[in-house]
Each structure stands twice: as C-alpha cells, then as structure tokens.
Amino acid sequence: MNSKTGRPRKAPEDSLTEIVPIRLTQAERDQCEIAAKRTGRKLTAWIRERAVKAAKHEVKQMAAESGGIQTGA
C-alpha cells in the first residue's frame, strides 16, 4: 500500500509561488486585520484577494479606455 494520505498537490498554475513584500503603517495593518477578520479570512489571503480584485478592475478599466489590454513585461 503506497498511497499517501492528505490533500492532493495543487496544479502548478494554481500554486502561490510569488512573494510580494509590502510595508504598512501599524494603523494600516490594524485596519486590514479588522477587515480580514470581519470576512473570516487570514490577513494575507484578504490582502491578496483585494489586490487581485483591484488589479483586475484597473486592467479592465484601462482596456475600456484604450480599446485593448496593455500589459508590461
């Protein structure tokens, strides 16, 4: 019997591999922690979700204004 127990590995494209350090004031961190707790999320998950949501909105808005999506390399 060679099967391992536990959760199966995530697909490589679903793995969170990139780290983006950010600096916050204590007040900003406190506000983020309160918001994260309110939604039942961990602080890092809440920040990631909000950042990705904001980025998608910005890209969509830029695409609408310019007629196409422009990405940086």
PDB file of N, CA and C in Angstrom:
ATOM      1  N   MET A   1       0.839  -1.173   0.000  1.00  0.00           N
ATOM      2  CA  MET A   1       0.000   0.000   0.000  1.00  0.00           C
ATOM      3  C   MET A   1       0.890   1.243   0.000  1.00  0.00           C
ATOM      4  N   ASN A   2       0.997   1.916  -1.144  1.00  0.00           N
ATOM      5  CA  ASN A   2       1.897   3.049  -1.307  1.00  0.00           C
ATOM      6  C   ASN A   2       1.195   4.398  -1.395  1.00  0.00           C
ATOM      7  N   SER A   3      -0.108   4.442  -1.230  1.00  0.00           N
ATOM      8  CA  SER A   3      -0.792   5.727  -1.384  1.00  0.00           C
ATOM      9  C   SER A   3      -0.569   6.612  -0.162  1.00  0.00           C
ATOM     10  N   LYS A   4      -0.357   7.900  -0.439  1.00  0.00           N
ATOM     11  CA  LYS A   4      -0.166   8.871   0.636  1.00  0.00           C
ATOM     12  C   LYS A   4      -1.522   9.421   1.063  1.00  0.00           C
ATOM     13  N   THR A   5      -1.611   9.791   2.315  1.00  0.00           N
ATOM     14  CA  THR A   5      -2.836  10.418   2.782  1.00  0.00           C
ATOM     15  C   THR A   5      -2.672  11.930   2.731  1.00  0.00           C
ATOM     16  N   GLY A   6      -3.776  12.630   2.799  1.00  0.00           N
ATOM     17  CA  GLY A   6      -3.720  14.083   2.785  1.00  0.00           C
ATOM     18  C   GLY A   6      -4.245  14.660   1.489  1.00  0.00           C
ATOM     19  N   ARG A   7      -4.179  15.953   1.427  1.00  0.00           N
ATOM     20  CA  ARG A   7      -4.686  16.671   0.270  1.00  0.00           C
ATOM     21  C   ARG A   7      -3.774  16.471  -0.931  1.00  0.00           C
ATOM     22  N   PRO A   8      -4.351  16.283  -2.116  1.00  0.00           N
ATOM     23  CA  PRO A   8      -3.509  16.161  -3.315  1.00  0.00           C
ATOM     24  C   PRO A   8      -2.804  17.480  -3.620  1.00  0.00           C
ATOM     25  N   ARG A   9      -1.683  17.393  -4.305  1.00  0.00           N
ATOM     26  CA  ARG A   9      -0.935  18.595  -4.677  1.00  0.00           C
ATOM     27  C   ARG A   9      -1.763  19.455  -5.627  1.00  0.00           C
ATOM     28  N   LYS A  10      -1.558  20.767  -5.522  1.00  0.00           N
ATOM     29  CA  LYS A  10      -2.206  21.698  -6.438  1.00  0.00           C
ATOM     30  C   LYS A  10      -1.509  21.630  -7.788  1.00  0.00           C
ATOM     31  N   ALA A  11      -2.246  21.987  -8.827  1.00  0.00           N
ATOM     32  CA  ALA A  11      -1.643  22.099 -10.150  1.00  0.00           C
ATOM     33  C   ALA A  11      -0.636  23.249 -10.105  1.00  0.00           C
ATOM     34  N   PRO A  12       0.462  23.153 -10.855  1.00  0.00           N
ATOM     35  CA  PRO A  12       1.488  24.205 -10.813  1.00  0.00           C
ATOM     36  C   PRO A  12       0.935  25.610 -11.058  1.00  0.00           C
ATOM     37  N   GLU A  13      -0.040  25.730 -11.949  1.00  0.00           N
ATOM     38  CA  GLU A  13      -0.594  27.060 -12.242  1.00  0.00           C
ATOM     39  C   GLU A  13      -1.464  27.601 -11.103  1.00  0.00           C
ATOM     40  N   ASP A  14      -1.851  26.746 -10.167  1.00  0.00           N
ATOM     41  CA  ASP A  14      -2.661  27.174  -9.022  1.00  0.00           C
ATOM     42  C   ASP A  14      -1.829  27.411  -7.765  1.00  0.00           C
ATOM     43  N   SER A  15      -0.549  27.089  -7.812  1.00  0.00           N
ATOM     44  CA  SER A  15       0.311  27.260  -6.640  1.00  0.00           C
ATOM     45  C   SER A  15       0.681  28.728  -6.454  1.00  0.00           C
ATOM     46  N   LEU A  16       0.659  29.168  -5.215  1.00  0.00           N
ATOM     47  CA  LEU A  16       1.044  30.547  -4.896  1.00  0.00           C
ATOM     48  C   LEU A  16       2.551  30.562  -4.670  1.00  0.00           C
ATOM     49  N   THR A  17       3.297  30.947  -5.698  1.00  0.00           N
ATOM     50  CA  THR A  17       4.757  30.866  -5.636  1.00  0.00           C
ATOM     51  C   THR A  17       5.438  32.226  -5.533  1.00  0.00           C
ATOM     52  N   GLU A  18       4.733  33.292  -5.858  1.00  0.00           N
ATOM     53  CA  GLU A  18       5.338  34.621  -5.881  1.00  0.00           C
ATOM     54  C   GLU A  18       5.121  35.332  -4.550  1.00  0.00           C
ATOM     55  N   ILE A  19       6.169  35.979  -4.058  1.00  0.00           N
ATOM     56  CA  ILE A  19       6.101  36.731  -2.811  1.00  0.00           C
ATOM     57  C   ILE A  19       6.303  38.208  -3.132  1.00  0.00           C
ATOM     58  N   VAL A  20       5.393  39.037  -2.644  1.00  0.00           N
ATOM     59  CA  VAL A  20       5.477  40.477  -2.848  1.00  0.00           C
ATOM     60  C   VAL A  20       5.443  41.140  -1.472  1.00  0.00           C
ATOM     61  N   PRO A  21       6.614  41.496  -0.950  1.00  0.00           N
ATOM     62  CA  PRO A  21       6.623  42.140   0.369  1.00  0.00           C
ATOM     63  C   PRO A  21       6.053  43.557   0.274  1.00  0.00           C
ATOM     64  N   ILE A  22       5.268  43.925   1.263  1.00  0.00           N
ATOM     65  CA  ILE A  22       4.740  45.287   1.316  1.00  0.00           C
ATOM     66  C   ILE A  22       4.993  45.861   2.705  1.00  0.00           C
ATOM     67  N   ARG A  23       5.059  47.165   2.772  1.00  0.00           N
ATOM     68  CA  ARG A  23       5.222  47.836   4.066  1.00  0.00           C
ATOM     69  C   ARG A  23       3.941  48.600   4.360  1.00  0.00           C
ATOM     70  N   LEU A  24       3.496  48.498   5.596  1.00  0.00           N
ATOM     71  CA  LEU A  24       2.305  49.195   6.056  1.00  0.00           C
ATOM     72  C   LEU A  24       2.624  49.919   7.349  1.00  0.00           C
ATOM     73  N   THR A  25       1.889  50.972   7.624  1.00  0.00           N
ATOM     74  CA  THR A  25       1.970  51.556   8.954  1.00  0.00           C
ATOM     75  C   THR A  25       1.212  50.628   9.896  1.00  0.00           C
ATOM     76  N   GLN A  26       1.410  50.797  11.182  1.00  0.00           N
ATOM     77  CA  GLN A  26       0.678  49.968  12.138  1.00  0.00           C
ATOM     78  C   GLN A  26      -0.827  50.196  11.998  1.00  0.00           C
ATOM     79  N   ALA A  27      -1.220  51.439  11.760  1.00  0.00           N
ATOM     80  CA  ALA A  27      -2.644  51.752  11.598  1.00  0.00           C
ATOM     81  C   ALA A  27      -3.223  51.063  10.363  1.00  0.00           C
ATOM     82  N   GLU A  28      -2.469  51.049   9.257  1.00  0.00           N
ATOM     83  CA  GLU A  28      -2.935  50.378   8.039  1.00  0.00           C
ATOM     84  C   GLU A  28      -3.070  48.878   8.269  1.00  0.00           C
ATOM     85  N   ARG A  29      -2.085  48.299   8.949  1.00  0.00           N
ATOM     86  CA  ARG A  29      -2.146  46.866   9.237  1.00  0.00           C
ATOM     87  C   ARG A  29      -3.342  46.551  10.126  1.00  0.00           C
ATOM     88  N   ASP A  30      -3.553  47.372  11.143  1.00  0.00           N
ATOM     89  CA  ASP A  30      -4.693  47.168  12.040  1.00  0.00           C
ATOM     90  C   ASP A  30      -6.006  47.202  11.266  1.00  0.00           C
ATOM     91  N   GLN A  31      -6.131  48.169  10.358  1.00  0.00           N
ATOM     92  CA  GLN A  31      -7.350  48.268   9.551  1.00  0.00           C
ATOM     93  C   GLN A  31      -7.535  47.033   8.682  1.00  0.00           C
ATOM     94  N   CYS A  32      -6.460  46.575   8.066  1.00  0.00           N
ATOM     95  CA  CYS A  32      -6.536  45.380   7.222  1.00  0.00           C
ATOM     96  C   CYS A  32      -6.895  44.152   8.047  1.00  0.00           C
ATOM     97  N   GLU A  33      -6.322  44.026   9.231  1.00  0.00           N
ATOM     98  CA  GLU A  33      -6.627  42.884  10.091  1.00  0.00           C
ATOM     99  C   GLU A  33      -8.093  42.884  10.515  1.00  0.00           C
ATOM    100  N   ILE A  34      -8.619  44.056  10.836  1.00  0.00           N
ATOM    101  CA  ILE A  34     -10.033  44.149  11.207  1.00  0.00           C
ATOM    102  C   ILE A  34     -10.915  43.720  10.036  1.00  0.00           C
ATOM    103  N   ALA A  35     -10.594  44.223   8.843  1.00  0.00           N
ATOM    104  CA  ALA A  35     -11.375  43.872   7.656  1.00  0.00           C
ATOM    105  C   ALA A  35     -11.270  42.382   7.347  1.00  0.00           C
ATOM    106  N   ALA A  36     -10.076  41.821   7.485  1.00  0.00           N
ATOM    107  CA  ALA A  36      -9.883  40.396   7.216  1.00  0.00           C
ATOM    108  C   ALA A  36     -10.685  39.549   8.199  1.00  0.00           C
ATOM    109  N   LYS A  37     -10.618  39.893   9.477  1.00  0.00           N
ATOM    110  CA  LYS A  37     -11.369  39.146  10.492  1.00  0.00           C
ATOM    111  C   LYS A  37     -12.866  39.233  10.241  1.00  0.00           C
ATOM    112  N   ARG A  38     -13.312  40.396   9.817  1.00  0.00           N
ATOM    113  CA  ARG A  38     -14.742  40.594   9.549  1.00  0.00           C
ATOM    114  C   ARG A  38     -15.239  39.643   8.466  1.00  0.00           C
ATOM    115  N   THR A  39     -14.378  39.334   7.502  1.00  0.00           N
ATOM    116  CA  THR A  39     -14.761  38.428   6.415  1.00  0.00           C
ATOM    117  C   THR A  39     -14.371  36.985   6.697  1.00  0.00           C
ATOM    118  N   GLY A  40     -13.721  36.751   7.842  1.00  0.00           N
ATOM    119  CA  GLY A  40     -13.323  35.390   8.191  1.00  0.00           C
ATOM    120  C   GLY A  40     -12.098  34.895   7.444  1.00  0.00           C
ATOM    121  N   ARG A  41     -11.314  35.810   6.894  1.00  0.00           N
ATOM    122  CA  ARG A  41     -10.123  35.438   6.122  1.00  0.00           C
ATOM    123  C   ARG A  41      -8.872  35.723   6.927  1.00  0.00           C
ATOM    124  N   LYS A  42      -7.792  35.039   6.579  1.00  0.00           N
ATOM    125  CA  LYS A  42      -6.484  35.377   7.135  1.00  0.00           C
ATOM    126  C   LYS A  42      -6.023  36.676   6.481  1.00  0.00           C
ATOM    127  N   LEU A  43      -5.172  37.403   7.183  1.00  0.00           N
ATOM    128  CA  LEU A  43      -4.717  38.705   6.693  1.00  0.00           C
ATOM    129  C   LEU A  43      -4.101  38.606   5.300  1.00  0.00           C
ATOM    130  N   THR A  44      -3.198  37.658   5.096  1.00  0.00           N
ATOM    131  CA  THR A  44      -2.527  37.558   3.795  1.00  0.00           C
ATOM    132  C   THR A  44      -3.504  37.195   2.685  1.00  0.00           C
ATOM    133  N   ALA A  45      -4.448  36.319   2.974  1.00  0.00           N
ATOM    134  CA  ALA A  45      -5.448  35.947   1.966  1.00  0.00           C
ATOM    135  C   ALA A  45      -6.319  37.145   1.618  1.00  0.00           C
ATOM    136  N   TRP A  46      -6.703  37.916   2.638  1.00  0.00           N
ATOM    137  CA  TRP A  46      -7.540  39.089   2.406  1.00  0.00           C
ATOM    138  C   TRP A  46      -6.801  40.118   1.546  1.00  0.00           C
ATOM    139  N   ILE A  47      -5.538  40.383   1.887  1.00  0.00           N
ATOM    140  CA  ILE A  47      -4.750  41.351   1.114  1.00  0.00           C
ATOM    141  C   ILE A  47      -4.592  40.873  -0.328  1.00  0.00           C
ATOM    142  N   ARG A  48      -4.284  39.582  -0.512  1.00  0.00           N
ATOM    143  CA  ARG A  48      -4.114  39.039  -1.866  1.00  0.00           C
ATOM    144  C   ARG A  48      -5.406  39.183  -2.669  1.00  0.00           C
ATOM    145  N   GLU A  49      -6.534  38.806  -2.072  1.00  0.00           N
ATOM    146  CA  GLU A  49      -7.810  38.888  -2.780  1.00  0.00           C
ATOM    147  C   GLU A  49      -8.149  40.322  -3.169  1.00  0.00           C
ATOM    148  N   ARG A  50      -7.927  41.260  -2.247  1.00  0.00           N
ATOM    149  CA  ARG A  50      -8.230  42.662  -2.529  1.00  0.00           C
ATOM    150  C   ARG A  50      -7.296  43.217  -3.605  1.00  0.00           C
ATOM    151  N   ALA A  51      -6.023  42.868  -3.544  1.00  0.00           N
ATOM    152  CA  ALA A  51      -5.056  43.362  -4.530  1.00  0.00           C
ATOM    153  C   ALA A  51      -5.374  42.827  -5.923  1.00  0.00           C
ATOM    154  N   VAL A  52      -5.684  41.543  -6.016  1.00  0.00           N
ATOM    155  CA  VAL A  52      -6.002  40.945  -7.316  1.00  0.00           C
ATOM    156  C   VAL A  52      -7.298  41.534  -7.869  1.00  0.00           C
ATOM    157  N   LYS A  53      -8.288  41.708  -7.003  1.00  0.00           N
ATOM    158  CA  LYS A  53      -9.556  42.302  -7.439  1.00  0.00           C
ATOM    159  C   LYS A  53      -9.332  43.719  -7.960  1.00  0.00           C
ATOM    160  N   ALA A  54      -8.540  44.505  -7.252  1.00  0.00           N
ATOM    161  CA  ALA A  54      -8.248  45.878  -7.676  1.00  0.00           C
ATOM    162  C   ALA A  54      -7.477  45.888  -8.993  1.00  0.00           C
ATOM    163  N   ALA A  55      -6.521  44.985  -9.142  1.00  0.00           N
ATOM    164  CA  ALA A  55      -5.730  44.924 -10.373  1.00  0.00           C
ATOM    165  C   ALA A  55      -6.605  44.553 -11.567  1.00  0.00           C
ATOM    166  N   LYS A  56      -7.490  43.580 -11.384  1.00  0.00           N
ATOM    167  CA  LYS A  56      -8.392  43.190 -12.477  1.00  0.00           C
ATOM    168  C   LYS A  56      -9.278  44.359 -12.880  1.00  0.00           C
ATOM    169  N   HIS A  57      -9.763  45.096 -11.886  1.00  0.00           N
ATOM    170  CA  HIS A  57     -10.609  46.260 -12.165  1.00  0.00           C
ATOM    171  C   HIS A  57      -9.824  47.317 -12.942  1.00  0.00           C
ATOM    172  N   GLU A  58      -8.599  47.590 -12.515  1.00  0.00           N
ATOM    173  CA  GLU A  58      -7.758  48.588 -13.191  1.00  0.00           C
ATOM    174  C   GLU A  58      -7.478  48.183 -14.636  1.00  0.00           C
ATOM    175  N   VAL A  59      -7.129  46.918 -14.854  1.00  0.00           N
ATOM    176  CA  VAL A  59      -6.820  46.442 -16.206  1.00  0.00           C
ATOM    177  C   VAL A  59      -8.061  46.530 -17.090  1.00  0.00           C
ATOM    178  N   LYS A  60      -9.208  46.150 -16.534  1.00  0.00           N
ATOM    179  CA  LYS A  60     -10.458  46.226 -17.292  1.00  0.00           C
ATOM    180  C   LYS A  60     -10.777  47.673 -17.656  1.00  0.00           C
ATOM    181  N   GLN A  61     -10.578  48.578 -16.715  1.00  0.00           N
ATOM    182  CA  GLN A  61     -10.832  49.994 -16.961  1.00  0.00           C
ATOM    183  C   GLN A  61      -9.869  50.548 -18.011  1.00  0.00           C
ATOM    184  N   MET A  62      -8.597  50.171 -17.927  1.00  0.00           N
ATOM    185  CA  MET A  62      -7.609  50.616 -18.916  1.00  0.00           C
ATOM    186  C   MET A  62      -7.969  50.095 -20.300  1.00  0.00           C
ATOM    187  N   ALA A  63      -8.419  48.842 -20.366  1.00  0.00           N
ATOM    188  CA  ALA A  63      -8.784  48.248 -21.648  1.00  0.00           C
ATOM    189  C   ALA A  63      -9.968  48.984 -22.261  1.00  0.00           C
ATOM    190  N   ALA A  64     -10.930  49.338 -21.427  1.00  0.00           N
ATOM    191  CA  ALA A  64     -12.101  50.054 -21.924  1.00  0.00           C
ATOM    192  C   ALA A  64     -11.721  51.436 -22.435  1.00  0.00           C
ATOM    193  N   GLU A  65     -10.793  52.085 -21.763  1.00  0.00           N
ATOM    194  CA  GLU A  65     -10.376  53.432 -22.155  1.00  0.00           C
ATOM    195  C   GLU A  65      -9.497  53.437 -23.398  1.00  0.00           C
ATOM    196  N   SER A  66      -8.671  52.394 -23.562  1.00  0.00           N
ATOM    197  CA  SER A  66      -7.725  52.386 -24.679  1.00  0.00           C
ATOM    198  C   SER A  66      -8.145  51.475 -25.825  1.00  0.00           C
ATOM    199  N   GLY A  67      -9.185  50.705 -25.628  1.00  0.00           N
ATOM    200  CA  GLY A  67      -9.637  49.812 -26.683  1.00  0.00           C
ATOM    201  C   GLY A  67      -8.910  48.484 -26.709  1.00  0.00           C
ATOM    202  N   GLY A  68      -8.035  48.220 -25.775  1.00  0.00           N
ATOM    203  CA  GLY A  68      -7.318  46.951 -25.710  1.00  0.00           C
ATOM    204  C   GLY A  68      -6.486  46.876 -24.455  1.00  0.00           C
ATOM    205  N   ILE A  69      -6.148  45.683 -24.041  1.00  0.00           N
ATOM    206  CA  ILE A  69      -5.363  45.483 -22.825  1.00  0.00           C
ATOM    207  C   ILE A  69      -3.888  45.640 -23.144  1.00  0.00           C
ATOM    208  N   GLN A  70      -3.203  46.427 -22.332  1.00  0.00           N
ATOM    209  CA  GLN A  70      -1.760  46.578 -22.463  1.00  0.00           C
ATOM    210  C   GLN A  70      -1.120  46.005 -21.214  1.00  0.00           C
ATOM    211  N   THR A  71      -0.182  45.114 -21.392  1.00  0.00           N
ATOM    212  CA  THR A  71       0.498  44.525 -20.243  1.00  0.00           C
ATOM    213  C   THR A  71       1.967  44.855 -20.301  1.00  0.00           C
ATOM    214  N   GLY A  72       2.583  44.965 -19.152  1.00  0.00           N
ATOM    215  CA  GLY A  72       4.020  45.210 -19.082  1.00  0.00           C
ATOM    216  C   GLY A  72       4.771  43.908 -19.019  1.00  0.00           C
ATOM    217  N   ALA A  73       6.029  43.925 -19.400  1.00  0.00           N
ATOM    218  CA  ALA A  73       6.835  42.707 -19.371  1.00  0.00           C
ATOM    219  C   ALA A  73       7.700  42.671 -18.155  1.00  0.00           C
TER     220      ALA A  73
END
